[in-house]
Amino acid sequence: MSLFDEEPRRKVVHDIGQDLSLLSVAELDERIVLLRSEITRLEEERSRKGDSKVAAEALFR
């Protein structure tokens, strides 16, 4: 495999509130996918913490 076969993957980073005017449609799509997956991750964690809280409250009743 040659050193030039693939371009190195750059990490997509999105700062909340940043200027979007210089981003291409493809870059916007990448960020939408990134943010949707992050929302899913946050919702799953919130659900796990909520389940733990309910279990703890039931234990101390």
C-alpha atoms as a PDB file:
ATOM      1  CA  MET A   1       0.000   0.000   0.000  1.00  0.00           C
ATOM      2  CA  SER A   2       1.367   3.361  -1.001  1.00  0.00           C
ATOM      3  CA  LEU A   3       1.684   6.266   1.348  1.00  0.00           C
ATOM      4  CA  PHE A   4      -0.580   8.269  -0.977  1.00  0.00           C
ATOM      5  CA  ASP A   5      -3.386   5.724  -1.477  1.00  0.00           C
ATOM      6  CA  GLU A   6      -5.725   7.254   1.063  1.00  0.00           C
ATOM      7  CA  GLU A   7      -6.178  10.703   2.445  1.00  0.00           C
ATOM      8  CA  PRO A   8      -5.926  10.767   6.216  1.00  0.00           C
ATOM      9  CA  ARG A   9      -9.352  11.010   7.867  1.00  0.00           C
ATOM     10  CA  ARG A  10      -9.794  14.271   9.652  1.00  0.00           C
ATOM     11  CA  LYS A  11     -11.795  14.361  12.828  1.00  0.00           C
ATOM     12  CA  VAL A  12     -15.056  16.258  12.442  1.00  0.00           C
ATOM     13  CA  VAL A  13     -15.470  18.749  15.257  1.00  0.00           C
ATOM     14  CA  HIS A  14     -18.423  21.044  15.693  1.00  0.00           C
ATOM     15  CA  ASP A  15     -18.501  24.001  18.038  1.00  0.00           C
ATOM     16  CA  ILE A  16     -21.986  25.064  19.068  1.00  0.00           C
ATOM     17  CA  GLY A  17     -22.753  28.484  17.598  1.00  0.00           C
ATOM     18  CA  GLN A  18     -19.915  28.518  15.088  1.00  0.00           C
ATOM     19  CA  ASP A  19     -20.238  30.259  11.703  1.00  0.00           C
ATOM     20  CA  LEU A  20     -21.679  27.778   9.205  1.00  0.00           C
ATOM     21  CA  SER A  21     -21.442  29.960   6.099  1.00  0.00           C
ATOM     22  CA  LEU A  22     -18.079  28.556   4.961  1.00  0.00           C
ATOM     23  CA  LEU A  23     -19.090  24.882   5.234  1.00  0.00           C
ATOM     24  CA  SER A  24     -20.063  22.830   2.193  1.00  0.00           C
ATOM     25  CA  VAL A  25     -23.275  20.807   2.037  1.00  0.00           C
ATOM     26  CA  ALA A  26     -21.215  17.632   2.585  1.00  0.00           C
ATOM     27  CA  GLU A  27     -19.570  19.144   5.664  1.00  0.00           C
ATOM     28  CA  LEU A  28     -22.963  20.189   7.013  1.00  0.00           C
ATOM     29  CA  ASP A  29     -24.255  16.647   6.433  1.00  0.00           C
ATOM     30  CA  GLU A  30     -21.242  15.229   8.327  1.00  0.00           C
ATOM     31  CA  ARG A  31     -21.965  17.489  11.266  1.00  0.00           C
ATOM     32  CA  ILE A  32     -25.659  16.607  11.274  1.00  0.00           C
ATOM     33  CA  VAL A  33     -24.748  12.894  11.489  1.00  0.00           C
ATOM     34  CA  LEU A  34     -22.210  13.645  14.227  1.00  0.00           C
ATOM     35  CA  LEU A  35     -24.669  15.678  16.279  1.00  0.00           C
ATOM     36  CA  ARG A  36     -27.527  13.177  15.858  1.00  0.00           C
ATOM     37  CA  SER A  37     -25.300  10.374  17.126  1.00  0.00           C
ATOM     38  CA  GLU A  38     -24.244  12.549  20.057  1.00  0.00           C
ATOM     39  CA  ILE A  39     -27.896  13.297  20.894  1.00  0.00           C
ATOM     40  CA  THR A  40     -28.621   9.553  20.875  1.00  0.00           C
ATOM     41  CA  ARG A  41     -25.646   8.930  23.159  1.00  0.00           C
ATOM     42  CA  LEU A  42     -26.807  11.658  25.554  1.00  0.00           C
ATOM     43  CA  GLU A  43     -30.378  10.331  25.624  1.00  0.00           C
ATOM     44  CA  GLU A  44     -29.158   6.799  26.375  1.00  0.00           C
ATOM     45  CA  GLU A  45     -27.008   8.052  29.250  1.00  0.00           C
ATOM     46  CA  ARG A  46     -29.889  10.125  30.623  1.00  0.00           C
ATOM     47  CA  SER A  47     -32.111   7.058  30.496  1.00  0.00           C
ATOM     48  CA  ARG A  48     -29.519   4.935  32.341  1.00  0.00           C
ATOM     49  CA  LYS A  49     -29.164   7.590  35.026  1.00  0.00           C
ATOM     50  CA  GLY A  50     -32.936   7.925  35.322  1.00  0.00           C
ATOM     51  CA  ASP A  51     -33.256   4.150  35.775  1.00  0.00           C
ATOM     52  CA  SER A  52     -30.577   4.243  38.493  1.00  0.00           C
ATOM     53  CA  LYS A  53     -32.335   7.096  40.260  1.00  0.00           C
ATOM     54  CA  VAL A  54     -35.683   5.265  40.238  1.00  0.00           C
ATOM     55  CA  ALA A  55     -34.003   2.130  41.636  1.00  0.00           C
ATOM     56  CA  ALA A  56     -32.280   4.136  44.388  1.00  0.00           C
ATOM     57  CA  GLU A  57     -35.495   5.898  45.344  1.00  0.00           C
ATOM     58  CA  ALA A  58     -37.318   2.560  45.540  1.00  0.00           C
ATOM     59  CA  LEU A  59     -34.577   1.173  47.779  1.00  0.00           C
ATOM     60  CA  PHE A  60     -34.888   4.000  50.301  1.00  0.00           C
ATOM     61  CA  ARG A  61     -38.673   4.024  50.568  1.00  0.00           C
END
